[in-house]
Amino acid sequence: MSEVFGITGWKNSGKTTLTAALVTEFVKRGLVVNTVKHAHESYAVDVEGTDTYRHRNAGASEVAILSKGSWAIMHQGKDGGAAPTLKTMLGKLGPSDLVLVEGFKNVDFPKIECIISKNKTGDPVWKQNKSVVALATDKKDKNCALPQFQLDDVTTIADYISQKMGLGL
């Protein structure tokens, strides 16, 4: 099973930017990395008028698209039903050394919280969730005893995650 590490925080806190930068850094180090992204709103994975859209719109429960070098499966839930659990989605991913999970504030696995001081919209996640093991921030929080890193110090954050997850990098 792959090691799972999360990047969490409130909206506009730098989660996606950090996640993408960490993927690049870990791939550069020779790891196979998968990601899972939590979305609060509905989203579109294909565009109206495409063949896959037409298949889903016709009522297909799942649509797979394959081309040279890539493939995807889209699952259409009935009546806007509940999203699958993170555990279920992790079980559907292919083999990897590391899975970076963006979001999922309240699910229990180690994660780093992103905080941009001017964009704070809620109490820090680390105050309520003990699975937050470090902060990536633009301004050090003197009330937090967790390790803290500059939000853009991707190399040091990757080193920390590698050590924390026993990746041996």
N, C-alpha and C. Protein backbone atom coordinates (compact mmCIF):
# COMPACT_ATOMS: atom_id res chain seq x y z
N MET A 1 0.84 -1.19 0.00
CA MET A 1 0.00 0.00 0.00
C MET A 1 0.88 1.24 0.00
N SER A 2 0.47 2.24 -0.71
CA SER A 2 1.20 3.50 -0.79
C SER A 2 1.13 4.26 0.52
N GLU A 3 2.15 5.07 0.77
CA GLU A 3 2.11 5.99 1.89
C GLU A 3 1.14 7.12 1.52
N VAL A 4 0.37 7.60 2.48
CA VAL A 4 -0.63 8.65 2.24
C VAL A 4 -0.30 9.85 3.13
N PHE A 5 -0.17 11.01 2.49
CA PHE A 5 0.11 12.24 3.22
C PHE A 5 -0.78 13.33 2.66
N GLY A 6 -1.31 14.19 3.53
CA GLY A 6 -2.27 15.18 3.09
C GLY A 6 -1.78 16.61 3.12
N ILE A 7 -2.40 17.41 2.30
CA ILE A 7 -2.23 18.86 2.27
C ILE A 7 -3.63 19.42 2.50
N THR A 8 -3.80 20.15 3.60
CA THR A 8 -5.13 20.64 3.95
C THR A 8 -5.07 22.14 4.24
N GLY A 9 -6.21 22.72 4.49
CA GLY A 9 -6.31 24.15 4.79
C GLY A 9 -7.60 24.69 4.23
N TRP A 10 -7.86 25.94 4.53
CA TRP A 10 -9.08 26.59 4.05
C TRP A 10 -8.91 27.03 2.60
N LYS A 11 -9.99 27.44 1.99
CA LYS A 11 -10.00 27.90 0.60
C LYS A 11 -8.96 29.02 0.41
N ASN A 12 -8.27 28.98 -0.71
CA ASN A 12 -7.26 29.98 -1.09
C ASN A 12 -6.09 30.04 -0.11
N SER A 13 -5.71 28.88 0.44
CA SER A 13 -4.59 28.83 1.37
C SER A 13 -3.31 28.32 0.73
N GLY A 14 -3.36 27.96 -0.56
CA GLY A 14 -2.16 27.50 -1.24
C GLY A 14 -2.06 25.98 -1.37
N LYS A 15 -3.14 25.26 -1.08
CA LYS A 15 -3.12 23.79 -1.11
C LYS A 15 -2.75 23.25 -2.49
N THR A 16 -3.43 23.71 -3.51
CA THR A 16 -3.19 23.16 -4.85
C THR A 16 -1.80 23.52 -5.34
N THR A 17 -1.36 24.74 -5.08
CA THR A 17 -0.01 25.15 -5.49
C THR A 17 1.04 24.27 -4.81
N LEU A 18 0.89 24.06 -3.50
CA LEU A 18 1.85 23.22 -2.78
C LEU A 18 1.77 21.78 -3.25
N THR A 19 0.57 21.25 -3.43
CA THR A 19 0.43 19.87 -3.88
C THR A 19 1.13 19.65 -5.21
N ALA A 20 0.88 20.53 -6.17
CA ALA A 20 1.50 20.39 -7.50
C ALA A 20 3.02 20.50 -7.40
N ALA A 21 3.51 21.41 -6.58
CA ALA A 21 4.96 21.57 -6.42
C ALA A 21 5.57 20.33 -5.77
N LEU A 22 4.87 19.75 -4.79
CA LEU A 22 5.38 18.53 -4.15
C LEU A 22 5.38 17.36 -5.11
N VAL A 23 4.35 17.24 -5.95
CA VAL A 23 4.34 16.18 -6.96
C VAL A 23 5.59 16.31 -7.83
N THR A 24 5.85 17.51 -8.33
CA THR A 24 7.03 17.74 -9.18
C THR A 24 8.30 17.35 -8.44
N GLU A 25 8.43 17.77 -7.18
CA GLU A 25 9.64 17.49 -6.39
C GLU A 25 9.82 15.98 -6.16
N PHE A 26 8.76 15.29 -5.78
CA PHE A 26 8.89 13.86 -5.51
C PHE A 26 9.14 13.06 -6.79
N VAL A 27 8.52 13.44 -7.88
CA VAL A 27 8.79 12.77 -9.16
C VAL A 27 10.24 12.98 -9.56
N LYS A 28 10.75 14.20 -9.35
CA LYS A 28 12.15 14.49 -9.63
C LYS A 28 13.07 13.60 -8.80
N ARG A 29 12.63 13.22 -7.62
CA ARG A 29 13.40 12.34 -6.73
C ARG A 29 13.22 10.86 -7.07
N GLY A 30 12.42 10.57 -8.08
CA GLY A 30 12.27 9.20 -8.54
C GLY A 30 11.08 8.44 -7.99
N LEU A 31 10.16 9.12 -7.32
CA LEU A 31 8.98 8.44 -6.79
C LEU A 31 7.83 8.44 -7.79
N VAL A 32 6.97 7.45 -7.66
CA VAL A 32 5.70 7.44 -8.37
C VAL A 32 4.69 8.03 -7.40
N VAL A 33 4.01 9.09 -7.84
CA VAL A 33 3.09 9.83 -6.96
C VAL A 33 1.70 9.85 -7.57
N ASN A 34 0.70 9.52 -6.76
CA ASN A 34 -0.70 9.69 -7.14
C ASN A 34 -1.28 10.81 -6.27
N THR A 35 -2.38 11.39 -6.71
CA THR A 35 -3.04 12.42 -5.92
C THR A 35 -4.54 12.14 -5.86
N VAL A 36 -5.15 12.63 -4.78
CA VAL A 36 -6.60 12.64 -4.63
C VAL A 36 -6.97 14.04 -4.21
N LYS A 37 -7.96 14.63 -4.85
CA LYS A 37 -8.40 15.99 -4.58
C LYS A 37 -9.85 15.96 -4.12
N HIS A 38 -10.14 16.61 -2.99
CA HIS A 38 -11.51 16.74 -2.52
C HIS A 38 -12.10 18.03 -3.08
N ALA A 39 -13.29 17.94 -3.64
CA ALA A 39 -13.99 19.12 -4.16
C ALA A 39 -15.31 19.27 -3.41
N HIS A 40 -15.57 20.48 -2.91
CA HIS A 40 -16.82 20.72 -2.19
C HIS A 40 -17.99 20.95 -3.15
N GLU A 41 -17.71 21.54 -4.29
CA GLU A 41 -18.75 21.82 -5.26
C GLU A 41 -18.73 20.73 -6.33
N SER A 42 -19.81 20.67 -7.11
CA SER A 42 -19.79 19.73 -8.23
C SER A 42 -18.77 20.24 -9.25
N TYR A 43 -18.33 19.37 -10.09
CA TYR A 43 -17.29 19.72 -11.05
C TYR A 43 -17.55 18.96 -12.34
N ALA A 44 -16.97 19.43 -13.40
CA ALA A 44 -17.11 18.76 -14.70
C ALA A 44 -15.75 18.23 -15.12
N VAL A 45 -15.72 16.99 -15.54
CA VAL A 45 -14.46 16.42 -16.00
C VAL A 45 -14.42 16.35 -17.53
N ASP A 46 -15.54 16.58 -18.13
CA ASP A 46 -15.53 16.70 -19.59
C ASP A 46 -16.49 17.82 -19.97
N VAL A 47 -16.40 18.24 -21.18
CA VAL A 47 -17.11 19.43 -21.62
C VAL A 47 -18.30 19.05 -22.48
N GLU A 48 -19.37 19.80 -22.31
CA GLU A 48 -20.56 19.56 -23.11
C GLU A 48 -20.20 19.49 -24.59
N GLY A 49 -20.73 18.46 -25.24
CA GLY A 49 -20.46 18.29 -26.66
C GLY A 49 -19.41 17.22 -26.95
N THR A 50 -18.58 16.87 -25.95
CA THR A 50 -17.59 15.82 -26.19
C THR A 50 -18.28 14.47 -26.18
N ASP A 51 -17.61 13.48 -26.71
CA ASP A 51 -18.19 12.14 -26.77
C ASP A 51 -18.47 11.58 -25.37
N THR A 52 -17.51 11.78 -24.44
CA THR A 52 -17.72 11.26 -23.09
C THR A 52 -18.90 11.95 -22.41
N TYR A 53 -19.05 13.23 -22.65
CA TYR A 53 -20.20 13.97 -22.09
C TYR A 53 -21.49 13.37 -22.64
N ARG A 54 -21.50 13.11 -23.91
CA ARG A 54 -22.71 12.56 -24.52
C ARG A 54 -23.03 11.18 -23.94
N HIS A 55 -22.00 10.37 -23.68
CA HIS A 55 -22.22 9.05 -23.08
C HIS A 55 -22.83 9.19 -21.69
N ARG A 56 -22.23 10.09 -20.84
CA ARG A 56 -22.75 10.30 -19.49
C ARG A 56 -24.16 10.87 -19.54
N ASN A 57 -24.37 11.84 -20.42
CA ASN A 57 -25.67 12.47 -20.54
C ASN A 57 -26.74 11.48 -20.99
N ALA A 58 -26.33 10.45 -21.73
CA ALA A 58 -27.27 9.43 -22.18
C ALA A 58 -27.64 8.47 -21.05
N GLY A 59 -26.89 8.52 -19.94
CA GLY A 59 -27.25 7.70 -18.79
C GLY A 59 -26.23 6.66 -18.36
N ALA A 60 -25.06 6.64 -18.99
CA ALA A 60 -24.05 5.65 -18.58
C ALA A 60 -23.63 5.91 -17.13
N SER A 61 -23.51 4.84 -16.35
CA SER A 61 -23.05 4.97 -14.96
C SER A 61 -21.56 5.27 -14.89
N GLU A 62 -20.79 4.63 -15.75
CA GLU A 62 -19.36 4.90 -15.84
C GLU A 62 -18.97 5.03 -17.29
N VAL A 63 -18.06 5.95 -17.54
CA VAL A 63 -17.54 6.16 -18.88
C VAL A 63 -16.02 6.11 -18.78
N ALA A 64 -15.43 5.24 -19.59
CA ALA A 64 -13.97 5.17 -19.64
C ALA A 64 -13.51 5.75 -20.97
N ILE A 65 -12.44 6.51 -20.91
CA ILE A 65 -11.85 7.04 -22.13
C ILE A 65 -10.38 6.64 -22.14
N LEU A 66 -9.94 6.14 -23.26
CA LEU A 66 -8.58 5.65 -23.39
C LEU A 66 -7.94 6.26 -24.62
N SER A 67 -6.70 6.65 -24.48
CA SER A 67 -5.92 7.09 -25.62
C SER A 67 -4.48 6.68 -25.38
N LYS A 68 -3.66 6.89 -26.33
CA LYS A 68 -2.26 6.52 -26.19
C LYS A 68 -1.65 7.29 -25.01
N GLY A 69 -1.23 6.56 -24.00
CA GLY A 69 -0.54 7.18 -22.87
C GLY A 69 -1.40 7.63 -21.71
N SER A 70 -2.74 7.62 -21.83
CA SER A 70 -3.56 8.03 -20.70
C SER A 70 -4.95 7.42 -20.79
N TRP A 71 -5.61 7.37 -19.65
CA TRP A 71 -6.99 6.90 -19.59
C TRP A 71 -7.65 7.45 -18.35
N ALA A 72 -8.97 7.45 -18.34
CA ALA A 72 -9.74 7.92 -17.19
C ALA A 72 -11.07 7.19 -17.15
N ILE A 73 -11.59 7.05 -15.95
CA ILE A 73 -12.94 6.52 -15.75
C ILE A 73 -13.73 7.56 -14.97
N MET A 74 -14.88 7.93 -15.49
CA MET A 74 -15.78 8.86 -14.81
C MET A 74 -16.98 8.07 -14.31
N HIS A 75 -17.32 8.25 -13.06
CA HIS A 75 -18.45 7.55 -12.46
C HIS A 75 -19.54 8.57 -12.17
N GLN A 76 -20.74 8.27 -12.58
CA GLN A 76 -21.88 9.15 -12.36
C GLN A 76 -22.75 8.56 -11.27
N GLY A 77 -22.79 9.20 -10.09
CA GLY A 77 -23.64 8.73 -9.00
C GLY A 77 -25.10 9.01 -9.30
N LYS A 78 -25.95 8.28 -8.67
CA LYS A 78 -27.39 8.47 -8.87
C LYS A 78 -27.90 9.58 -7.97
N ASP A 79 -28.67 10.48 -8.51
CA ASP A 79 -29.35 11.53 -7.75
C ASP A 79 -28.41 12.31 -6.84
N GLY A 80 -27.19 12.58 -7.29
CA GLY A 80 -26.26 13.36 -6.49
C GLY A 80 -25.89 12.68 -5.18
N GLY A 81 -25.84 11.35 -5.19
CA GLY A 81 -25.55 10.58 -3.98
C GLY A 81 -24.21 10.95 -3.36
N ALA A 82 -23.97 10.39 -2.19
CA ALA A 82 -22.76 10.69 -1.43
C ALA A 82 -21.51 10.28 -2.21
N ALA A 83 -20.46 11.06 -2.02
CA ALA A 83 -19.17 10.73 -2.62
C ALA A 83 -18.61 9.50 -1.93
N PRO A 84 -17.80 8.73 -2.63
CA PRO A 84 -17.16 7.59 -1.97
C PRO A 84 -16.19 8.08 -0.89
N THR A 85 -15.85 7.21 0.00
CA THR A 85 -14.91 7.57 1.05
C THR A 85 -13.50 7.68 0.47
N LEU A 86 -12.64 8.36 1.20
CA LEU A 86 -11.24 8.45 0.79
C LEU A 86 -10.64 7.05 0.71
N LYS A 87 -10.96 6.19 1.67
CA LYS A 87 -10.43 4.82 1.66
C LYS A 87 -10.83 4.09 0.37
N THR A 88 -12.07 4.26 -0.05
CA THR A 88 -12.53 3.63 -1.30
C THR A 88 -11.72 4.15 -2.48
N MET A 89 -11.53 5.47 -2.55
CA MET A 89 -10.79 6.05 -3.67
C MET A 89 -9.33 5.61 -3.66
N LEU A 90 -8.72 5.55 -2.48
CA LEU A 90 -7.33 5.09 -2.40
C LEU A 90 -7.20 3.67 -2.94
N GLY A 91 -8.22 2.85 -2.70
CA GLY A 91 -8.21 1.48 -3.21
C GLY A 91 -8.35 1.38 -4.71
N LYS A 92 -8.82 2.42 -5.36
CA LYS A 92 -8.99 2.42 -6.81
C LYS A 92 -7.74 2.93 -7.56
N LEU A 93 -6.82 3.55 -6.83
CA LEU A 93 -5.62 4.09 -7.48
C LEU A 93 -4.63 2.99 -7.83
N GLY A 94 -3.84 3.25 -8.86
CA GLY A 94 -2.79 2.33 -9.23
C GLY A 94 -1.63 2.39 -8.25
N PRO A 95 -0.66 1.50 -8.41
CA PRO A 95 0.48 1.46 -7.51
C PRO A 95 1.27 2.77 -7.53
N SER A 96 1.77 3.15 -6.36
CA SER A 96 2.61 4.34 -6.25
C SER A 96 3.43 4.25 -4.98
N ASP A 97 4.40 5.13 -4.87
CA ASP A 97 5.19 5.23 -3.64
C ASP A 97 4.50 6.13 -2.63
N LEU A 98 3.80 7.13 -3.13
CA LEU A 98 3.20 8.15 -2.27
C LEU A 98 1.90 8.64 -2.89
N VAL A 99 0.88 8.82 -2.05
CA VAL A 99 -0.36 9.47 -2.48
C VAL A 99 -0.46 10.78 -1.70
N LEU A 100 -0.53 11.88 -2.42
CA LEU A 100 -0.76 13.18 -1.80
C LEU A 100 -2.25 13.47 -1.90
N VAL A 101 -2.87 13.73 -0.76
CA VAL A 101 -4.31 13.95 -0.69
C VAL A 101 -4.55 15.42 -0.36
N GLU A 102 -5.26 16.10 -1.24
CA GLU A 102 -5.55 17.52 -1.02
C GLU A 102 -6.96 17.67 -0.48
N GLY A 103 -7.06 18.32 0.68
CA GLY A 103 -8.36 18.52 1.31
C GLY A 103 -8.56 17.53 2.45
N PHE A 104 -9.78 17.06 2.62
CA PHE A 104 -10.12 16.06 3.63
C PHE A 104 -9.62 16.47 5.02
N LYS A 105 -10.00 17.68 5.44
CA LYS A 105 -9.57 18.21 6.75
C LYS A 105 -9.84 17.26 7.90
N ASN A 106 -10.98 16.58 7.88
CA ASN A 106 -11.42 15.82 9.04
C ASN A 106 -11.14 14.32 8.98
N VAL A 107 -10.41 13.87 7.96
CA VAL A 107 -10.06 12.46 7.87
C VAL A 107 -8.69 12.26 8.53
N ASP A 108 -8.55 11.16 9.25
CA ASP A 108 -7.37 10.94 10.09
C ASP A 108 -6.22 10.28 9.32
N PHE A 109 -5.31 11.09 8.84
CA PHE A 109 -4.03 10.66 8.28
C PHE A 109 -3.11 11.86 8.38
N PRO A 110 -1.79 11.68 8.37
CA PRO A 110 -0.89 12.82 8.56
C PRO A 110 -1.03 13.84 7.44
N LYS A 111 -1.04 15.12 7.85
CA LYS A 111 -1.20 16.17 6.84
C LYS A 111 -0.50 17.44 7.30
N ILE A 112 -0.19 18.27 6.32
CA ILE A 112 0.37 19.59 6.57
C ILE A 112 -0.72 20.61 6.25
N GLU A 113 -0.85 21.61 7.10
CA GLU A 113 -1.87 22.64 6.86
C GLU A 113 -1.25 23.85 6.20
N CYS A 114 -1.85 24.30 5.10
CA CYS A 114 -1.43 25.51 4.41
C CYS A 114 -2.19 26.70 4.98
N ILE A 115 -1.45 27.77 5.27
CA ILE A 115 -2.08 28.98 5.79
C ILE A 115 -1.44 30.19 5.12
N ILE A 116 -2.27 31.00 4.47
CA ILE A 116 -1.85 32.31 3.97
C ILE A 116 -2.56 33.32 4.86
N SER A 117 -1.79 34.09 5.60
CA SER A 117 -2.36 34.94 6.65
C SER A 117 -3.46 35.88 6.15
N LYS A 118 -3.31 36.46 4.98
CA LYS A 118 -4.32 37.40 4.49
C LYS A 118 -5.59 36.71 4.00
N ASN A 119 -5.55 35.39 3.80
CA ASN A 119 -6.71 34.65 3.29
C ASN A 119 -7.37 33.78 4.34
N LYS A 120 -7.01 33.91 5.60
CA LYS A 120 -7.60 33.07 6.65
C LYS A 120 -9.11 33.27 6.70
N THR A 121 -9.84 32.13 6.64
CA THR A 121 -11.30 32.20 6.67
C THR A 121 -11.90 31.45 7.85
N GLY A 122 -11.09 30.73 8.58
CA GLY A 122 -11.59 29.97 9.72
C GLY A 122 -10.47 29.71 10.70
N ASP A 123 -10.82 29.12 11.83
CA ASP A 123 -9.80 28.74 12.80
C ASP A 123 -8.84 27.75 12.15
N PRO A 124 -7.58 27.82 12.54
CA PRO A 124 -6.63 26.86 11.98
C PRO A 124 -7.10 25.42 12.20
N VAL A 125 -6.92 24.59 11.19
CA VAL A 125 -7.33 23.19 11.26
C VAL A 125 -6.57 22.48 12.37
N TRP A 126 -5.29 22.82 12.55
CA TRP A 126 -4.46 22.12 13.55
C TRP A 126 -5.02 22.23 14.96
N LYS A 127 -5.82 23.24 15.23
CA LYS A 127 -6.39 23.40 16.58
C LYS A 127 -7.45 22.33 16.88
N GLN A 128 -8.15 21.86 15.85
CA GLN A 128 -9.19 20.85 16.04
C GLN A 128 -8.78 19.45 15.60
N ASN A 129 -7.77 19.35 14.76
CA ASN A 129 -7.44 18.06 14.17
C ASN A 129 -5.99 17.69 14.47
N LYS A 130 -5.82 16.68 15.29
CA LYS A 130 -4.48 16.26 15.72
C LYS A 130 -3.72 15.52 14.63
N SER A 131 -4.34 15.25 13.48
CA SER A 131 -3.61 14.60 12.39
C SER A 131 -2.80 15.62 11.58
N VAL A 132 -2.97 16.92 11.84
CA VAL A 132 -2.10 17.94 11.25
C VAL A 132 -0.77 17.86 11.98
N VAL A 133 0.30 17.59 11.23
CA VAL A 133 1.61 17.37 11.84
C VAL A 133 2.58 18.52 11.60
N ALA A 134 2.21 19.47 10.73
CA ALA A 134 3.08 20.61 10.43
C ALA A 134 2.27 21.69 9.72
N LEU A 135 2.87 22.88 9.63
CA LEU A 135 2.25 24.00 8.91
C LEU A 135 3.15 24.43 7.77
N ALA A 136 2.52 24.83 6.66
CA ALA A 136 3.20 25.51 5.56
C ALA A 136 2.53 26.87 5.49
N THR A 137 3.27 27.93 5.80
CA THR A 137 2.63 29.22 5.99
C THR A 137 3.52 30.36 5.52
N ASP A 138 2.90 31.51 5.32
CA ASP A 138 3.66 32.71 4.95
C ASP A 138 4.06 33.51 6.19
N LYS A 139 3.49 33.15 7.36
CA LYS A 139 3.77 33.89 8.59
C LYS A 139 3.72 32.91 9.76
N LYS A 140 4.83 32.75 10.45
CA LYS A 140 4.93 31.80 11.56
C LYS A 140 3.86 32.09 12.62
N ASP A 141 3.24 31.01 13.11
CA ASP A 141 2.24 31.11 14.17
C ASP A 141 2.93 30.80 15.50
N LYS A 142 3.15 31.83 16.31
CA LYS A 142 3.89 31.65 17.57
C LYS A 142 3.11 30.84 18.59
N ASN A 143 1.82 30.62 18.36
CA ASN A 143 1.00 29.82 19.28
C ASN A 143 0.97 28.34 18.92
N CYS A 144 1.63 27.97 17.84
CA CYS A 144 1.61 26.58 17.36
C CYS A 144 2.98 25.95 17.57
N ALA A 145 3.00 24.80 18.25
CA ALA A 145 4.26 24.11 18.53
C ALA A 145 4.66 23.13 17.42
N LEU A 146 3.82 22.97 16.40
CA LEU A 146 4.14 22.06 15.30
C LEU A 146 5.28 22.62 14.45
N PRO A 147 6.01 21.75 13.73
CA PRO A 147 7.00 22.27 12.78
C PRO A 147 6.32 23.20 11.78
N GLN A 148 7.00 24.30 11.44
CA GLN A 148 6.45 25.27 10.49
C GLN A 148 7.45 25.55 9.39
N PHE A 149 6.96 25.60 8.17
CA PHE A 149 7.78 25.82 6.99
C PHE A 149 7.23 26.98 6.18
N GLN A 150 8.11 27.67 5.47
CA GLN A 150 7.65 28.68 4.52
C GLN A 150 6.85 27.96 3.44
N LEU A 151 5.73 28.50 3.07
CA LEU A 151 4.82 27.89 2.11
C LEU A 151 5.49 27.53 0.79
N ASP A 152 6.49 28.32 0.38
CA ASP A 152 7.14 28.08 -0.91
C ASP A 152 8.45 27.29 -0.78
N ASP A 153 8.79 26.79 0.40
CA ASP A 153 10.02 26.02 0.59
C ASP A 153 9.74 24.54 0.33
N VAL A 154 9.46 24.23 -0.92
CA VAL A 154 9.01 22.90 -1.32
C VAL A 154 10.06 21.83 -1.00
N THR A 155 11.34 22.12 -1.22
CA THR A 155 12.38 21.13 -0.97
C THR A 155 12.40 20.71 0.50
N THR A 156 12.34 21.67 1.40
CA THR A 156 12.36 21.36 2.83
C THR A 156 11.09 20.64 3.25
N ILE A 157 9.95 21.04 2.70
CA ILE A 157 8.69 20.36 3.01
C ILE A 157 8.74 18.92 2.51
N ALA A 158 9.26 18.72 1.31
CA ALA A 158 9.40 17.35 0.76
C ALA A 158 10.34 16.52 1.63
N ASP A 159 11.43 17.11 2.09
CA ASP A 159 12.34 16.40 3.00
C ASP A 159 11.61 15.97 4.26
N TYR A 160 10.82 16.88 4.82
CA TYR A 160 10.06 16.58 6.04
C TYR A 160 9.08 15.43 5.81
N ILE A 161 8.33 15.50 4.71
CA ILE A 161 7.36 14.44 4.40
C ILE A 161 8.09 13.11 4.19
N SER A 162 9.20 13.14 3.47
CA SER A 162 9.98 11.92 3.23
C SER A 162 10.40 11.28 4.54
N GLN A 163 10.89 12.09 5.46
CA GLN A 163 11.33 11.59 6.77
C GLN A 163 10.14 11.06 7.56
N LYS A 164 9.06 11.83 7.58
CA LYS A 164 7.87 11.48 8.35
C LYS A 164 7.25 10.17 7.85
N MET A 165 7.27 9.95 6.54
CA MET A 165 6.63 8.78 5.94
C MET A 165 7.60 7.62 5.74
N GLY A 166 8.88 7.82 6.09
CA GLY A 166 9.86 6.74 5.94
C GLY A 166 10.16 6.39 4.49
N LEU A 167 10.19 7.41 3.63
CA LEU A 167 10.42 7.18 2.21
C LEU A 167 11.90 7.00 1.87
N GLY A 168 12.77 7.32 2.79
CA GLY A 168 14.20 7.10 2.58
C GLY A 168 14.83 7.96 1.49
N LEU A 169 14.32 9.17 1.30
CA LEU A 169 14.89 10.06 0.28
C LEU A 169 15.78 11.10 0.90
